[in-house]
N, C-alpha and C. Protein backbone atom coordinates (compact mmCIF):
# COMPACT_ATOMS: atom_id res chain seq x y z
N MET A 1 0.83 -1.20 0.02
CA MET A 1 0.00 -0.08 -0.03
C MET A 1 0.91 1.26 0.05
N SER A 2 0.60 2.18 -0.91
CA SER A 2 1.42 3.37 -1.10
C SER A 2 1.04 4.39 0.13
N LYS A 3 2.02 5.12 0.51
CA LYS A 3 1.79 6.15 1.58
C LYS A 3 1.64 7.50 0.82
N LEU A 4 1.67 7.59 -0.50
CA LEU A 4 1.46 8.72 -1.19
C LEU A 4 -0.04 9.21 -1.09
N SER A 5 -0.14 10.60 -1.14
CA SER A 5 -1.54 11.08 -1.08
C SER A 5 -2.19 10.72 -2.37
N ARG A 6 -3.52 10.61 -2.47
CA ARG A 6 -4.18 10.35 -3.62
C ARG A 6 -4.09 11.39 -4.65
N LEU A 7 -3.58 12.51 -4.25
CA LEU A 7 -3.51 13.77 -5.19
C LEU A 7 -2.08 13.84 -5.78
N SER A 8 -1.22 13.05 -5.30
CA SER A 8 0.13 13.15 -5.68
C SER A 8 0.47 12.69 -7.06
N ALA A 9 1.07 13.38 -8.01
CA ALA A 9 1.40 12.94 -9.21
C ALA A 9 2.36 11.73 -9.26
N GLU A 10 3.05 11.52 -8.14
CA GLU A 10 4.09 10.43 -7.99
C GLU A 10 3.38 9.24 -7.92
N ASN A 11 2.01 9.13 -7.77
CA ASN A 11 1.27 7.85 -7.98
C ASN A 11 1.32 7.26 -9.32
N ILE A 12 1.66 7.97 -10.28
CA ILE A 12 2.08 7.68 -11.66
C ILE A 12 3.52 7.52 -11.78
N GLU A 13 4.00 6.47 -11.43
CA GLU A 13 5.55 6.34 -11.30
C GLU A 13 6.30 6.46 -12.71
N ASP A 14 5.76 6.06 -13.78
CA ASP A 14 6.46 6.22 -14.97
C ASP A 14 6.46 7.61 -15.47
N ASP A 15 7.72 8.18 -15.74
CA ASP A 15 7.85 9.53 -16.20
C ASP A 15 7.01 10.03 -17.44
N ILE A 16 7.22 8.99 -18.47
CA ILE A 16 6.31 9.15 -19.73
C ILE A 16 4.86 9.10 -19.52
N LEU A 17 4.38 8.20 -18.68
CA LEU A 17 2.91 8.26 -18.50
C LEU A 17 2.43 9.43 -17.74
N ARG A 18 3.34 9.95 -16.74
CA ARG A 18 3.02 11.06 -15.84
C ARG A 18 2.89 12.29 -16.93
N ALA A 19 3.92 12.29 -17.74
CA ALA A 19 3.85 13.45 -18.82
C ALA A 19 2.62 13.43 -19.70
N HIS A 20 2.17 12.19 -20.08
CA HIS A 20 0.92 12.08 -20.71
C HIS A 20 -0.21 12.52 -19.89
N PHE A 21 -0.28 12.23 -18.72
CA PHE A 21 -1.35 12.73 -17.70
C PHE A 21 -1.37 14.15 -17.68
N PHE A 22 -0.01 14.73 -17.47
CA PHE A 22 0.04 16.32 -17.42
C PHE A 22 -0.63 16.93 -18.72
N ALA A 23 -0.42 16.31 -19.87
CA ALA A 23 -0.99 16.77 -21.14
C ALA A 23 -2.40 16.75 -21.07
N ILE A 24 -3.04 15.64 -20.47
CA ILE A 24 -4.51 15.72 -20.30
C ILE A 24 -5.00 16.80 -19.47
N VAL A 25 -4.20 17.04 -18.34
CA VAL A 25 -4.64 18.19 -17.39
C VAL A 25 -4.56 19.46 -18.12
N MET A 26 -3.53 19.65 -18.85
CA MET A 26 -3.40 20.99 -19.52
C MET A 26 -4.47 21.06 -20.55
N GLU A 27 -4.80 20.07 -21.33
CA GLU A 27 -5.93 20.16 -22.35
C GLU A 27 -7.15 20.52 -21.68
N TYR A 28 -7.42 19.97 -20.50
CA TYR A 28 -8.61 20.32 -19.80
C TYR A 28 -8.67 21.77 -19.36
N ILE A 29 -7.62 22.28 -18.85
CA ILE A 29 -7.48 23.60 -18.42
C ILE A 29 -7.62 24.53 -19.56
N ASN A 30 -7.03 24.16 -20.69
CA ASN A 30 -7.04 25.12 -21.95
C ASN A 30 -8.29 25.09 -22.65
N ARG A 31 -9.14 24.19 -22.41
CA ARG A 31 -10.47 23.96 -23.19
C ARG A 31 -11.20 25.25 -23.03
N SER A 32 -11.76 25.87 -24.04
CA SER A 32 -12.41 27.08 -23.90
C SER A 32 -13.95 26.77 -23.36
N GLY A 33 -14.36 27.71 -22.67
CA GLY A 33 -15.87 27.45 -22.18
C GLY A 33 -15.87 26.56 -20.82
N ASN A 34 -14.71 26.09 -20.30
CA ASN A 34 -14.69 25.27 -19.12
C ASN A 34 -15.05 26.09 -17.86
N THR A 35 -16.22 25.86 -17.38
CA THR A 35 -16.75 26.76 -16.22
C THR A 35 -16.35 26.07 -14.80
N ASP A 36 -15.80 24.87 -14.80
CA ASP A 36 -15.38 24.17 -13.54
C ASP A 36 -14.11 24.83 -12.96
N LEU A 37 -13.36 25.48 -13.80
CA LEU A 37 -11.97 26.18 -13.22
C LEU A 37 -12.24 27.31 -12.36
N PHE A 38 -11.22 27.52 -11.50
CA PHE A 38 -11.32 28.68 -10.69
C PHE A 38 -9.93 29.43 -10.89
N GLU A 39 -10.05 30.78 -10.59
CA GLU A 39 -8.81 31.63 -10.82
C GLU A 39 -8.17 31.85 -9.46
N TYR A 40 -6.75 31.92 -9.56
CA TYR A 40 -6.02 32.22 -8.40
C TYR A 40 -4.81 33.07 -8.95
N THR A 41 -4.52 34.11 -8.23
CA THR A 41 -3.47 35.12 -8.48
C THR A 41 -2.28 34.81 -7.66
N ILE A 42 -1.08 34.58 -8.26
CA ILE A 42 0.04 34.30 -7.48
C ILE A 42 0.62 35.60 -6.81
N ARG A 43 0.87 35.37 -5.61
CA ARG A 43 1.34 36.46 -4.71
C ARG A 43 2.89 36.55 -4.50
N LEU A 44 3.19 37.75 -4.05
CA LEU A 44 4.66 37.92 -3.95
C LEU A 44 5.37 36.82 -3.03
N ASP A 45 4.71 36.57 -1.94
CA ASP A 45 5.36 35.66 -0.94
C ASP A 45 5.41 34.28 -1.41
N GLU A 46 4.70 33.90 -2.65
CA GLU A 46 4.59 32.68 -3.29
C GLU A 46 5.57 32.38 -4.50
N VAL A 47 6.53 33.36 -4.60
CA VAL A 47 7.31 33.34 -5.88
C VAL A 47 8.11 32.12 -6.00
N TYR A 48 8.62 31.33 -4.96
CA TYR A 48 9.32 30.15 -5.05
C TYR A 48 8.53 29.03 -4.19
N ARG A 49 7.18 29.12 -4.15
CA ARG A 49 6.42 28.31 -3.13
C ARG A 49 5.17 27.75 -3.84
N ALA A 50 5.34 26.77 -4.81
CA ALA A 50 4.27 26.13 -5.49
C ALA A 50 3.39 25.50 -4.28
N ASP A 51 3.99 25.01 -3.23
CA ASP A 51 3.25 24.34 -2.18
C ASP A 51 2.45 25.25 -1.34
N LEU A 52 2.88 26.53 -1.20
CA LEU A 52 2.13 27.67 -0.72
C LEU A 52 0.82 27.94 -1.40
N VAL A 53 1.02 28.00 -2.76
CA VAL A 53 -0.10 28.46 -3.69
C VAL A 53 -1.11 27.15 -3.52
N SER A 54 -0.48 26.09 -3.63
CA SER A 54 -1.39 24.80 -3.50
C SER A 54 -2.22 24.85 -2.07
N TYR A 55 -1.60 25.17 -1.03
CA TYR A 55 -2.24 25.10 0.27
C TYR A 55 -3.28 26.24 0.15
N ARG A 56 -3.01 27.35 -0.30
CA ARG A 56 -3.97 28.46 -0.33
C ARG A 56 -5.12 28.21 -1.24
N ALA A 57 -4.91 27.66 -2.40
CA ALA A 57 -5.88 27.35 -3.31
C ALA A 57 -6.77 26.03 -2.97
N TYR A 58 -6.19 25.06 -2.51
CA TYR A 58 -6.69 23.71 -2.23
C TYR A 58 -6.91 23.32 -0.77
N ALA A 59 -6.06 24.06 0.06
CA ALA A 59 -6.06 23.61 1.53
C ALA A 59 -5.28 22.45 1.60
N THR A 60 -4.27 22.09 0.71
CA THR A 60 -3.47 21.00 0.79
C THR A 60 -2.27 21.29 -0.10
N VAL A 61 -0.91 20.83 0.30
CA VAL A 61 0.17 21.03 -0.40
C VAL A 61 0.46 19.98 -1.45
N GLU A 62 -0.41 19.03 -1.41
CA GLU A 62 -0.18 17.87 -2.36
C GLU A 62 -0.38 18.16 -3.87
N LEU A 63 -0.87 19.40 -4.19
CA LEU A 63 -1.09 19.81 -5.52
C LEU A 63 -0.18 20.81 -6.07
N ASP A 64 1.05 20.84 -5.46
CA ASP A 64 2.16 21.78 -5.80
C ASP A 64 2.53 21.45 -7.30
N TRP A 65 2.49 20.20 -7.55
CA TRP A 65 2.88 19.85 -8.85
C TRP A 65 1.98 20.40 -9.99
N LEU A 66 0.54 20.57 -9.59
CA LEU A 66 -0.26 21.06 -10.53
C LEU A 66 -0.11 22.68 -10.65
N VAL A 67 0.27 23.38 -9.67
CA VAL A 67 0.54 24.80 -9.75
C VAL A 67 1.88 24.90 -10.58
N SER A 68 2.89 24.15 -10.41
CA SER A 68 4.09 24.25 -11.25
C SER A 68 3.70 23.87 -12.66
N LEU A 69 2.85 23.05 -13.05
CA LEU A 69 2.54 22.59 -14.27
C LEU A 69 1.74 23.80 -14.91
N VAL A 70 0.73 24.31 -14.31
CA VAL A 70 0.00 25.33 -14.96
C VAL A 70 0.78 26.55 -15.11
N CYS A 71 1.73 26.94 -14.29
CA CYS A 71 2.63 27.99 -14.43
C CYS A 71 3.84 27.79 -15.34
N ASP A 72 3.83 26.66 -15.88
CA ASP A 72 5.00 26.23 -16.80
C ASP A 72 6.36 26.36 -16.14
N VAL A 73 6.53 25.99 -14.86
CA VAL A 73 7.67 25.88 -14.09
C VAL A 73 8.09 24.50 -13.85
N ASP A 74 9.21 24.05 -14.44
CA ASP A 74 9.61 22.65 -14.24
C ASP A 74 10.71 22.38 -13.30
N ASP A 75 11.25 23.74 -12.78
CA ASP A 75 12.32 23.57 -11.72
C ASP A 75 11.93 24.38 -10.58
N PRO A 76 11.85 23.83 -9.32
CA PRO A 76 11.44 24.74 -8.27
C PRO A 76 12.37 25.79 -7.92
N MET A 77 13.56 25.83 -8.57
CA MET A 77 14.39 27.01 -8.35
C MET A 77 14.04 28.07 -9.21
N ASN A 78 13.17 27.97 -10.16
CA ASN A 78 12.70 29.04 -11.08
C ASN A 78 11.37 29.54 -10.39
N PRO A 79 11.26 30.94 -10.51
CA PRO A 79 10.14 31.60 -9.96
C PRO A 79 8.76 31.51 -10.50
N LEU A 80 7.71 31.29 -9.77
CA LEU A 80 6.40 31.41 -10.26
C LEU A 80 6.09 32.78 -10.79
N PRO A 81 5.30 32.97 -11.63
CA PRO A 81 4.90 34.42 -12.23
C PRO A 81 4.04 35.14 -11.38
N VAL A 82 4.73 35.99 -10.48
CA VAL A 82 3.97 36.77 -9.43
C VAL A 82 3.10 37.77 -10.20
N GLY A 83 1.70 37.90 -9.68
CA GLY A 83 0.80 38.75 -10.21
C GLY A 83 0.06 38.13 -11.33
N GLN A 84 0.49 37.03 -11.81
CA GLN A 84 -0.30 36.37 -12.98
C GLN A 84 -1.46 35.43 -12.36
N THR A 85 -2.55 35.57 -12.97
CA THR A 85 -3.82 34.86 -12.56
C THR A 85 -3.83 33.54 -13.34
N ILE A 86 -3.88 32.54 -12.68
CA ILE A 86 -3.87 31.17 -13.36
C ILE A 86 -5.25 30.63 -13.11
N LYS A 87 -5.57 29.58 -13.97
CA LYS A 87 -6.93 28.91 -13.80
C LYS A 87 -6.47 27.47 -13.44
N LEU A 88 -7.19 27.08 -12.39
CA LEU A 88 -6.98 25.78 -11.72
C LEU A 88 -8.26 24.80 -11.88
N PRO A 89 -8.08 23.53 -11.97
CA PRO A 89 -9.39 22.64 -11.92
C PRO A 89 -9.62 22.42 -10.45
N PRO A 90 -10.87 21.85 -10.16
CA PRO A 90 -11.21 21.52 -8.83
C PRO A 90 -10.24 20.22 -8.48
N ALA A 91 -9.94 20.05 -7.07
CA ALA A 91 -9.24 19.00 -6.64
C ALA A 91 -9.96 17.64 -6.96
N ALA A 92 -11.30 17.66 -6.94
CA ALA A 92 -12.01 16.40 -7.11
C ALA A 92 -11.94 15.98 -8.72
N TRP A 93 -11.73 16.99 -9.56
CA TRP A 93 -11.61 16.53 -10.95
C TRP A 93 -10.18 16.06 -11.18
N VAL A 94 -9.22 16.62 -10.39
CA VAL A 94 -7.87 16.15 -10.53
C VAL A 94 -7.80 14.57 -9.98
N ARG A 95 -8.30 14.35 -8.83
CA ARG A 95 -8.31 12.89 -8.35
C ARG A 95 -9.15 11.92 -9.24
N ARG A 96 -10.29 12.39 -9.58
CA ARG A 96 -11.03 11.51 -10.50
C ARG A 96 -10.29 11.19 -11.84
N SER A 97 -9.73 12.31 -12.38
CA SER A 97 -9.04 12.16 -13.76
C SER A 97 -7.81 11.20 -13.52
N MET A 98 -7.07 11.45 -12.42
CA MET A 98 -5.83 10.68 -12.28
C MET A 98 -6.29 9.21 -11.93
N ARG A 99 -7.28 8.89 -11.14
CA ARG A 99 -7.71 7.57 -10.98
C ARG A 99 -8.20 6.90 -12.28
N GLN A 100 -8.92 7.56 -13.12
CA GLN A 100 -9.31 7.12 -14.36
C GLN A 100 -8.20 6.77 -15.24
N PHE A 101 -7.22 7.58 -15.31
CA PHE A 101 -6.03 7.53 -16.16
C PHE A 101 -5.23 6.29 -15.65
N MET A 102 -5.08 6.11 -14.24
CA MET A 102 -4.31 5.00 -13.93
C MET A 102 -5.06 3.71 -14.13
N ASP A 103 -6.35 3.67 -14.02
CA ASP A 103 -7.21 2.44 -14.28
C ASP A 103 -6.92 2.13 -15.85
N GLU A 104 -7.11 3.14 -16.68
CA GLU A 104 -6.93 2.85 -18.15
C GLU A 104 -5.61 2.37 -18.57
N MET A 105 -4.44 2.80 -17.77
CA MET A 105 -3.19 2.34 -17.99
C MET A 105 -2.74 0.99 -17.21
N GLY A 106 -3.64 0.69 -16.43
CA GLY A 106 -3.48 -0.61 -15.69
C GLY A 106 -2.41 -0.38 -14.57
N LEU A 107 -2.42 0.79 -14.12
CA LEU A 107 -1.49 1.09 -12.89
C LEU A 107 -2.04 0.86 -11.52
């Protein structure tokens, strides 16, 4: 039994499959007319803290990977775009989509 959070991207162990899941997430976020998304503006004190953005937006640090993905920041040493408003999907959608993806891939 894994000790990972159900929201952790590390549940998808294979890097290639994880990248494929990330592409699905970004496709969902960039789909026009998507009313499920909510907006969040990156604050100055969050410039290097995707975990803090995740905590403030979702009340959990487990979606820091999602914040980095949406902000197109692949290295935590790179800053988040302060003042930029990003669109984020609901945590329930992330979990449901991850579970569906893992089931389809036999993970």
